[in-house]
């Protein structure tokens, strides 16, 4: 999933009003003017969501080769590493965390 789609879905989950979007950016309404919303790449925005949803992040390695696969993210209480799907794994820990939030609310 592309960052712009992730940002849009997270904005919807968080109840933020989207004022406009381009092919690469999502803008949300604020009290004064539209603001770029980019939790998939901005730690100041995404970090707060990691804390809010109590997301665990860990590097993921393929067994038995030890090949690095990326970062795995799960919401607190989910320790099902056996059932890891591609949807919660990404090269970026922040993006993996946002994908985990989307997966949680997609169900």
C-alpha atoms as a PDB file:
ATOM      1  CA  UNK A   1       0.000   0.000   0.000  1.00  0.00           C
ATOM      2  CA  UNK A   2       1.350   3.409  -0.954  1.00  0.00           C
ATOM      3  CA  UNK A   3       2.029   6.034   1.734  1.00  0.00           C
ATOM      4  CA  UNK A   4      -0.715   8.362   0.484  1.00  0.00           C
ATOM      5  CA  UNK A   5      -3.340   5.611   0.827  1.00  0.00           C
ATOM      6  CA  UNK A   6      -1.999   4.713   4.299  1.00  0.00           C
ATOM      7  CA  UNK A   7      -2.184   8.359   5.403  1.00  0.00           C
ATOM      8  CA  UNK A   8      -5.749   8.690   4.093  1.00  0.00           C
ATOM      9  CA  UNK A   9      -6.915   5.500   5.847  1.00  0.00           C
ATOM     10  CA  UNK A  10      -5.256   6.511   9.139  1.00  0.00           C
ATOM     11  CA  UNK A  11      -6.892   9.959   8.922  1.00  0.00           C
ATOM     12  CA  UNK A  12     -10.271   8.245   8.513  1.00  0.00           C
ATOM     13  CA  UNK A  13      -9.615   5.885  11.453  1.00  0.00           C
ATOM     14  CA  UNK A  14      -8.594   8.833  13.616  1.00  0.00           C
ATOM     15  CA  UNK A  15     -11.688  10.813  12.603  1.00  0.00           C
ATOM     16  CA  UNK A  16      -9.706  13.599  10.963  1.00  0.00           C
ATOM     17  CA  UNK A  17     -11.481  15.597   8.262  1.00  0.00           C
ATOM     18  CA  UNK A  18      -9.561  15.474   5.000  1.00  0.00           C
ATOM     19  CA  UNK A  19      -9.641  18.896   3.359  1.00  0.00           C
ATOM     20  CA  UNK A  20      -7.887  17.842   0.146  1.00  0.00           C
ATOM     21  CA  UNK A  21      -5.387  15.417  -1.270  1.00  0.00           C
ATOM     22  CA  UNK A  22      -2.947  15.212  -4.130  1.00  0.00           C
ATOM     23  CA  UNK A  23      -1.317  12.146  -5.616  1.00  0.00           C
ATOM     24  CA  UNK A  24       1.372  12.354  -2.941  1.00  0.00           C
ATOM     25  CA  UNK A  25      -0.089  14.255   0.048  1.00  0.00           C
ATOM     26  CA  UNK A  26      -3.125  14.253   2.326  1.00  0.00           C
ATOM     27  CA  UNK A  27      -4.251  17.511   3.944  1.00  0.00           C
ATOM     28  CA  UNK A  28      -6.436  17.555   7.042  1.00  0.00           C
ATOM     29  CA  UNK A  29      -8.545  20.400   8.392  1.00  0.00           C
ATOM     30  CA  UNK A  30      -7.251  22.247  11.429  1.00  0.00           C
ATOM     31  CA  UNK A  31      -8.584  25.339  13.228  1.00  0.00           C
ATOM     32  CA  UNK A  32      -6.516  27.718  11.118  1.00  0.00           C
ATOM     33  CA  UNK A  33      -5.422  26.131   7.817  1.00  0.00           C
ATOM     34  CA  UNK A  34      -5.005  22.719   6.161  1.00  0.00           C
ATOM     35  CA  UNK A  35      -2.084  20.679   7.416  1.00  0.00           C
ATOM     36  CA  UNK A  36      -0.158  17.881   5.700  1.00  0.00           C
ATOM     37  CA  UNK A  37      -0.980  14.571   7.393  1.00  0.00           C
ATOM     38  CA  UNK A  38       1.774  12.000   6.911  1.00  0.00           C
ATOM     39  CA  UNK A  39       1.961   9.530   9.836  1.00  0.00           C
ATOM     40  CA  UNK A  40       3.474   6.877   7.543  1.00  0.00           C
ATOM     41  CA  UNK A  41       6.674   8.958   7.286  1.00  0.00           C
ATOM     42  CA  UNK A  42       6.522  11.631   9.993  1.00  0.00           C
ATOM     43  CA  UNK A  43       7.579  10.359  13.433  1.00  0.00           C
ATOM     44  CA  UNK A  44       5.986  13.379  15.145  1.00  0.00           C
ATOM     45  CA  UNK A  45       2.590  12.219  13.837  1.00  0.00           C
ATOM     46  CA  UNK A  46       3.081   8.445  13.599  1.00  0.00           C
ATOM     47  CA  UNK A  47       4.969   8.141  16.883  1.00  0.00           C
ATOM     48  CA  UNK A  48       1.933   9.421  18.791  1.00  0.00           C
ATOM     49  CA  UNK A  49      -0.184   6.708  17.159  1.00  0.00           C
ATOM     50  CA  UNK A  50       2.350   4.008  18.080  1.00  0.00           C
ATOM     51  CA  UNK A  51       2.002   5.130  21.685  1.00  0.00           C
ATOM     52  CA  UNK A  52      -1.793   5.498  21.522  1.00  0.00           C
ATOM     53  CA  UNK A  53      -2.341   2.001  20.097  1.00  0.00           C
ATOM     54  CA  UNK A  54       0.509   0.438  22.112  1.00  0.00           C
ATOM     55  CA  UNK A  55       2.180  -0.971  19.016  1.00  0.00           C
ATOM     56  CA  UNK A  56       5.108  -3.349  19.331  1.00  0.00           C
ATOM     57  CA  UNK A  57       7.783  -3.226  16.655  1.00  0.00           C
ATOM     58  CA  UNK A  58      10.458  -5.804  16.028  1.00  0.00           C
ATOM     59  CA  UNK A  59      12.773  -6.752  13.196  1.00  0.00           C
ATOM     60  CA  UNK A  60      11.629  -9.892  11.432  1.00  0.00           C
ATOM     61  CA  UNK A  61      13.972 -12.586  10.130  1.00  0.00           C
ATOM     62  CA  UNK A  62      13.138 -15.600   7.999  1.00  0.00           C
ATOM     63  CA  UNK A  63      13.683 -18.943   9.714  1.00  0.00           C
ATOM     64  CA  UNK A  64      16.045 -20.820   9.352  1.00  0.00           C
ATOM     65  CA  UNK A  65      18.104 -18.652   6.978  1.00  0.00           C
ATOM     66  CA  UNK A  66      18.117 -15.531   9.151  1.00  0.00           C
ATOM     67  CA  UNK A  67      17.332 -13.394   6.104  1.00  0.00           C
ATOM     68  CA  UNK A  68      16.066  -9.951   7.161  1.00  0.00           C
ATOM     69  CA  UNK A  69      12.468  -9.368   6.031  1.00  0.00           C
ATOM     70  CA  UNK A  70      11.717  -5.938   7.517  1.00  0.00           C
ATOM     71  CA  UNK A  71       9.878  -4.604  10.551  1.00  0.00           C
ATOM     72  CA  UNK A  72       6.876  -6.375  12.030  1.00  0.00           C
ATOM     73  CA  UNK A  73       4.253  -4.373  13.927  1.00  0.00           C
ATOM     74  CA  UNK A  74       1.482  -5.652  16.179  1.00  0.00           C
ATOM     75  CA  UNK A  75      -0.989  -4.017  18.511  1.00  0.00           C
ATOM     76  CA  UNK A  76      -0.656  -4.740  22.204  1.00  0.00           C
ATOM     77  CA  UNK A  77      -1.885  -8.192  23.102  1.00  0.00           C
ATOM     78  CA  UNK A  78      -1.217  -9.668  19.673  1.00  0.00           C
ATOM     79  CA  UNK A  79       1.795 -11.970  19.793  1.00  0.00           C
ATOM     80  CA  UNK A  80       0.994 -14.169  16.846  1.00  0.00           C
ATOM     81  CA  UNK A  81       4.304 -14.103  15.048  1.00  0.00           C
ATOM     82  CA  UNK A  82       3.420 -17.442  13.518  1.00  0.00           C
ATOM     83  CA  UNK A  83       0.675 -15.825  11.466  1.00  0.00           C
ATOM     84  CA  UNK A  84       2.675 -12.855  10.187  1.00  0.00           C
ATOM     85  CA  UNK A  85       1.341 -11.639   6.878  1.00  0.00           C
ATOM     86  CA  UNK A  86       2.942  -9.207   4.486  1.00  0.00           C
ATOM     87  CA  UNK A  87       0.484  -6.512   5.491  1.00  0.00           C
ATOM     88  CA  UNK A  88       2.186  -5.693   8.810  1.00  0.00           C
ATOM     89  CA  UNK A  89       5.783  -5.998   7.575  1.00  0.00           C
ATOM     90  CA  UNK A  90       7.678  -3.159   5.914  1.00  0.00           C
ATOM     91  CA  UNK A  91      11.204  -1.775   5.573  1.00  0.00           C
ATOM     92  CA  UNK A  92      10.074   1.221   7.620  1.00  0.00           C
ATOM     93  CA  UNK A  93       9.031   0.591  11.224  1.00  0.00           C
ATOM     94  CA  UNK A  94       6.697   3.595  11.080  1.00  0.00           C
ATOM     95  CA  UNK A  95       4.923   2.367   7.960  1.00  0.00           C
ATOM     96  CA  UNK A  96       4.640  -1.164   9.434  1.00  0.00           C
ATOM     97  CA  UNK A  97       2.979   0.356  12.520  1.00  0.00           C
ATOM     98  CA  UNK A  98       0.470   2.302  10.424  1.00  0.00           C
ATOM     99  CA  UNK A  99      -0.348  -0.858   8.443  1.00  0.00           C
ATOM    100  CA  UNK A 100      -0.985  -2.714  11.725  1.00  0.00           C
ATOM    101  CA  UNK A 101      -3.470  -0.009  12.774  1.00  0.00           C
ATOM    102  CA  UNK A 102      -5.234  -0.242   9.412  1.00  0.00           C
ATOM    103  CA  UNK A 103      -5.412  -4.032   9.696  1.00  0.00           C
ATOM    104  CA  UNK A 104      -6.886  -3.774  13.197  1.00  0.00           C
ATOM    105  CA  UNK A 105      -9.700  -1.482  12.082  1.00  0.00           C
ATOM    106  CA  UNK A 106     -10.344  -3.279   8.785  1.00  0.00           C
ATOM    107  CA  UNK A 107     -11.757  -6.286  10.617  1.00  0.00           C
END
